[in-house]
Protein backbone atom coordinates (compact mmCIF):
# COMPACT_ATOMS: atom_id res chain seq x y z
CA MET A 1 0.01 0.01 0.01
CA ARG A 2 1.34 3.41 -0.92
CA GLU A 3 2.32 5.45 2.11
CA ARG A 4 0.22 8.50 2.73
CA ARG A 5 2.23 11.65 2.68
CA SER A 6 1.40 15.02 4.01
CA GLN A 7 0.38 17.52 1.38
CA THR A 8 1.42 20.52 3.43
CA ARG A 9 3.71 23.10 1.97
CA PRO A 10 5.59 26.01 3.45
CA ALA A 11 3.10 28.59 4.65
CA ARG A 12 2.90 31.84 2.74
CA PRO A 13 3.39 35.06 4.67
CA GLY A 14 0.41 35.74 6.83
CA ARG A 15 -0.80 32.11 6.73
CA ARG A 16 -0.45 29.42 9.31
CA THR A 17 0.34 25.77 8.64
CA ARG A 18 -1.68 23.89 11.19
CA LEU A 19 -1.02 20.30 10.20
CA SER A 20 2.71 20.04 10.85
CA ALA A 21 2.75 18.97 14.51
CA PRO A 22 0.03 16.33 15.03
CA GLU A 23 0.80 12.86 13.71
CA SER A 24 -2.48 10.97 13.88
CA LEU A 25 -5.18 11.17 11.25
CA GLU A 26 -7.75 12.10 13.86
CA GLU A 27 -5.65 14.97 15.25
CA ARG A 28 -5.14 16.34 11.80
CA ARG A 29 -8.81 16.12 11.02
CA GLU A 30 -9.67 17.94 14.22
CA LEU A 31 -7.37 20.83 13.27
CA ILE A 32 -8.89 20.96 9.81
CA VAL A 33 -12.33 21.26 11.34
CA ALA A 34 -11.12 23.97 13.72
CA ALA A 35 -9.61 25.88 10.77
CA ALA A 36 -12.92 25.50 8.88
CA LEU A 37 -14.85 26.95 11.79
CA ASP A 38 -12.38 29.90 11.92
CA LEU A 39 -13.08 30.49 8.22
CA LEU A 40 -16.77 30.25 8.87
CA ASP A 41 -16.58 32.98 11.47
CA SER A 42 -14.52 35.26 9.28
CA ASP A 43 -16.06 34.64 5.83
CA GLY A 44 -19.45 33.04 6.30
CA PHE A 45 -21.10 29.85 5.05
CA ASP A 46 -21.44 30.98 1.43
CA GLN A 47 -17.68 31.37 1.08
CA MET A 48 -16.88 27.93 2.46
CA SER A 49 -15.06 25.64 0.01
CA LEU A 50 -12.39 22.97 0.30
CA ARG A 51 -10.11 24.98 -1.96
CA ARG A 52 -10.37 28.04 0.30
CA LEU A 53 -9.82 25.89 3.38
CA ALA A 54 -6.74 24.29 1.84
CA SER A 55 -5.33 27.73 1.01
CA HIS A 56 -6.00 28.84 4.57
CA LEU A 57 -4.04 25.83 5.86
CA GLY A 58 -1.19 26.31 3.36
CA MET A 59 -2.01 23.03 1.60
CA HIS A 60 -2.68 21.84 -1.89
CA ALA A 61 -6.47 21.26 -2.22
CA PRO A 62 -6.11 17.48 -3.03
CA GLY A 63 -4.29 17.04 0.23
CA LEU A 64 -7.49 17.66 2.20
CA TYR A 65 -9.00 14.45 0.78
CA TRP A 66 -6.65 12.41 2.90
CA TYR A 67 -8.65 13.65 5.88
CA ILE A 68 -12.03 14.92 4.52
CA GLU A 69 -14.09 12.84 2.10
CA SER A 70 -16.10 15.75 0.63
CA LYS A 71 -17.54 19.14 1.40
CA GLN A 72 -20.57 17.41 2.91
CA ASP A 73 -18.25 15.42 5.16
CA LEU A 74 -16.65 18.68 6.30
CA ILE A 75 -20.05 20.25 7.01
CA ASP A 76 -21.02 17.19 9.01
CA LEU A 77 -17.82 17.38 11.06
CA MET A 78 -18.29 21.11 11.63
CA ALA A 79 -21.87 20.58 12.79
CA LYS A 80 -20.71 17.89 15.21
CA GLU A 81 -18.10 20.19 16.69
CA ILE A 82 -20.60 23.04 17.04
CA LEU A 83 -23.17 20.84 18.81
CA ASP A 84 -20.67 18.81 20.85
CA ARG A 85 -19.34 21.99 22.35
CA GLY A 86 -22.72 23.70 22.77
CA LEU A 87 -24.51 20.70 24.31
CA ALA A 88 -21.66 19.53 26.56
CA ASP A 89 -23.41 20.78 29.71
CA LEU A 90 -26.42 18.58 28.93
CA ALA A 91 -24.39 15.36 28.77
CA THR A 92 -25.23 14.38 32.36
CA PRO A 93 -28.71 15.70 33.32
CA ALA A 94 -29.59 15.65 36.99
CA PRO A 95 -31.54 12.53 38.07
CA ASP A 96 -34.59 14.63 38.97
CA THR A 97 -34.73 16.41 35.59
CA THR A 98 -38.28 16.39 34.27
CA TRP A 99 -39.04 15.70 30.65
CA GLN A 100 -40.48 19.24 30.28
CA GLN A 101 -37.35 20.86 31.69
CA TRP A 102 -35.11 18.63 29.56
CA LEU A 103 -36.81 19.50 26.30
CA VAL A 104 -36.81 23.22 26.97
CA ASP A 105 -33.16 23.17 28.07
CA LEU A 106 -32.23 21.10 25.01
CA ALA A 107 -33.92 23.56 22.66
CA CYS A 108 -32.29 26.58 24.36
CA ALA A 109 -28.85 25.00 24.42
CA THR A 110 -29.16 24.01 20.72
CA ARG A 111 -30.08 27.54 19.70
CA HIS A 112 -27.21 29.04 21.75
CA ALA A 113 -24.75 26.56 20.20
CA LEU A 114 -25.79 27.64 16.69
CA LEU A 115 -25.65 31.31 17.52
CA ALA A 116 -22.15 30.97 18.94
CA ARG A 117 -20.82 30.59 15.39
CA ARG A 118 -21.46 32.75 12.37
CA ASP A 119 -23.97 30.89 10.18
CA GLY A 120 -23.98 28.07 12.68
CA ALA A 121 -27.60 27.33 11.94
CA ARG A 122 -26.86 26.94 8.21
CA VAL A 123 -24.05 24.53 8.95
CA VAL A 124 -26.13 22.32 11.23
CA GLY A 125 -29.20 22.63 8.97
CA SER A 126 -27.10 21.48 6.01
CA SER A 127 -25.53 18.53 7.80
CA LEU A 128 -26.54 14.90 7.97
CA LEU A 129 -27.02 14.96 11.73
CA LEU A 130 -27.58 11.25 12.25
CA LYS A 131 -24.53 10.30 10.13
CA ALA A 132 -22.30 12.81 11.91
CA GLY A 133 -23.57 11.71 15.36
CA SER A 134 -23.77 15.34 16.38
CA LEU A 135 -27.13 14.96 18.13
CA THR A 136 -27.23 11.29 18.83
CA PRO A 137 -26.09 11.51 22.51
CA SER A 138 -28.70 14.15 23.28
CA ILE A 139 -31.44 12.23 21.45
CA GLU A 140 -30.55 9.08 23.42
CA ILE A 141 -30.85 10.96 26.72
CA SER A 142 -34.10 12.54 25.55
CA LEU A 143 -35.67 9.20 24.67
CA GLU A 144 -34.63 7.75 28.01
CA ILE A 145 -36.14 10.69 29.95
CA LEU A 146 -39.39 10.77 27.94
CA GLU A 147 -39.86 7.01 27.93
CA ARG A 148 -39.43 7.06 31.70
CA ALA A 149 -42.22 9.61 31.83
CA GLY A 150 -44.48 7.24 29.87
CA PHE A 151 -44.07 8.37 26.26
CA GLU A 152 -43.85 5.80 23.51
CA ARG A 153 -40.49 5.80 21.73
CA LEU A 154 -41.67 7.32 18.44
CA VAL A 155 -43.61 10.02 20.34
CA ALA A 156 -40.51 10.80 22.36
CA LEU A 157 -38.45 11.05 19.18
CA GLY A 158 -41.04 13.30 17.55
CA ALA A 159 -41.16 15.59 20.56
CA THR A 160 -37.35 15.82 20.71
CA MET A 161 -36.94 16.58 17.01
CA THR A 162 -39.74 19.13 17.06
CA LEU A 163 -37.89 21.15 19.69
CA ILE A 164 -34.55 20.75 17.89
CA ARG A 165 -36.07 21.91 14.60
CA TYR A 166 -37.61 24.85 16.40
CA ALA A 167 -34.16 25.79 17.69
CA ILE A 168 -32.53 25.48 14.27
CA GLY A 169 -35.26 27.51 12.61
CA ALA A 170 -35.19 30.25 15.20
CA ALA A 171 -31.37 30.51 15.02
CA LEU A 172 -31.48 30.58 11.24
CA GLY A 173 -33.98 33.41 11.30
CA GLU A 174 -31.82 35.41 13.71
CA GLN A 175 -28.63 34.86 11.79
CA THR A 176 -30.07 35.67 8.37
CA SER A 177 -32.29 38.56 9.38
CA PRO A 178 -30.99 41.93 7.97
CA ILE A 179 -32.33 43.61 11.13
CA ALA A 180 -31.33 41.25 13.96
CA SER A 181 -27.60 41.73 13.29
CA ILE A 182 -27.72 45.55 13.70
CA ALA A 183 -26.14 46.52 17.00
CA ASP A 184 -26.52 50.35 16.81
CA LYS A 185 -29.79 51.47 18.43
CA ALA A 186 -30.35 54.44 16.10
CA GLU A 187 -29.73 52.36 13.00
CA PHE A 188 -31.95 49.62 14.26
CA ALA A 189 -34.74 52.06 14.97
CA ARG A 190 -34.43 53.55 11.47
CA ARG A 191 -34.56 50.16 9.79
CA ALA A 192 -37.43 48.96 11.97
CA LYS A 193 -39.39 52.07 11.09
CA THR A 194 -38.91 51.37 7.39
CA VAL A 195 -40.07 47.80 7.80
CA LEU A 196 -43.16 48.82 9.82
CA ALA A 197 -44.07 51.45 7.28
CA ALA A 198 -44.61 48.68 4.74
CA VAL A 199 -47.34 47.13 6.88
CA ASP A 200 -50.83 48.51 6.09
CA THR A 201 -52.16 49.43 9.53
CA THR A 202 -55.69 49.69 8.11
CA LYS A 203 -55.71 46.08 6.90
CA TRP A 204 -53.42 44.58 9.48
CA PRO A 205 -53.70 46.76 12.64
CA ARG A 206 -52.93 43.98 15.15
CA THR A 207 -49.92 42.75 13.21
CA ALA A 208 -48.53 46.26 12.90
CA ASP A 209 -49.03 47.02 16.55
CA ALA A 210 -47.52 43.68 17.69
CA TYR A 211 -44.41 44.20 15.65
CA ARG A 212 -44.12 47.80 16.80
CA MET A 213 -44.13 46.58 20.37
CA LEU A 214 -41.57 43.90 19.52
CA PHE A 215 -39.21 46.32 17.76
CA GLU A 216 -39.44 48.84 20.53
CA SER A 217 -38.61 46.18 23.12
CA ASP A 218 -35.76 44.89 20.91
CA ALA A 219 -34.36 48.42 20.50
CA ARG A 220 -34.13 48.92 24.27
CA ASP A 221 -31.96 45.85 24.49
CA ARG A 222 -29.75 46.15 21.42
CA PRO A 223 -28.84 43.69 20.11
CA GLY A 224 -31.97 42.26 21.68
CA ILE A 225 -30.33 39.19 23.14
CA ARG A 226 -32.20 39.11 26.44
CA ASP A 227 -35.64 39.50 24.82
CA ARG A 228 -34.87 36.95 22.11
CA ASP A 229 -33.67 34.46 24.73
CA ARG A 230 -36.82 35.05 26.76
CA MET A 231 -39.17 34.77 23.81
CA PHE A 232 -37.44 31.63 22.50
CA ARG A 233 -37.73 29.91 25.91
CA TRP A 234 -41.38 30.96 26.06
CA GLY A 235 -41.94 29.38 22.64
CA ALA A 236 -40.18 26.16 23.70
CA GLU A 237 -42.40 26.02 26.78
CA MET A 238 -45.45 26.39 24.55
CA PHE A 239 -44.31 23.41 22.47
CA VAL A 240 -43.82 21.34 25.61
CA ARG A 241 -47.33 22.16 26.87
CA GLY A 242 -48.71 21.09 23.55
CA ILE A 243 -46.77 17.81 23.70
CA ALA A 244 -48.23 17.15 27.15
CA ASP A 245 -51.76 17.61 25.76
CA TYR A 246 -51.15 15.27 22.84
CA PRO A 247 -49.23 12.28 24.18
CA ASP A 248 -50.16 9.82 21.45
CA PHE A 249 -48.38 9.49 18.12
CA PRO A 250 -50.59 10.99 15.40
CA PRO A 251 -52.40 8.27 13.42
CA ALA A 252 -51.86 7.97 9.69
CA THR A 253 -54.36 9.81 7.56
CA LYS A 254 -56.69 7.57 5.51
């Protein structure tokens, strides 16, 4: 068998070669994923490519394929790192944790994990979560807790994935919104006023007033983190209350 050789080359000025020290394949893969997450934070998801990553590492692009099978494989590994780090505190829930508390905490921790990285929601939403194993430990704990509370296994899985999808969707909305990312209060107020002006208060008076209240609250807490955290948790709690009211798996439609 032909010996695998490192494809690293001398780093250009201003670049860092990150694969020179570690010897194992796993260590090198971990550093590649860390470098990919650095690029994600600096350039965003749309600019992610294996060629750009290889250049960042001071490598020839084909050299990455010793460690990463494809761009999808890279995305899967990035998603796993994001969620492993963000959900680490949930690895050992307290023995008296209720299923309601667990699901709300899981949803909130998932959202925070995605928001901790630029375009984190897009990475996780684009990944093959089951293949990457990025959520498998949390799902296993969730099934154990919900089954102990009397839920059937498929119902427990459905409840868990509903809250996780809620978290991914909420984080995606926050990260892609042209308003949510504005930190300056004056600029935020100006943009919010422009958005509200497009809502016909005669046709949609309740909607216009509700969003006015929301934008005013958000402006007082730029960049609105506390209110968004509070509203997200409230939404997760609403999901959990609904799950408690509908404990049976929905029957197939005829």
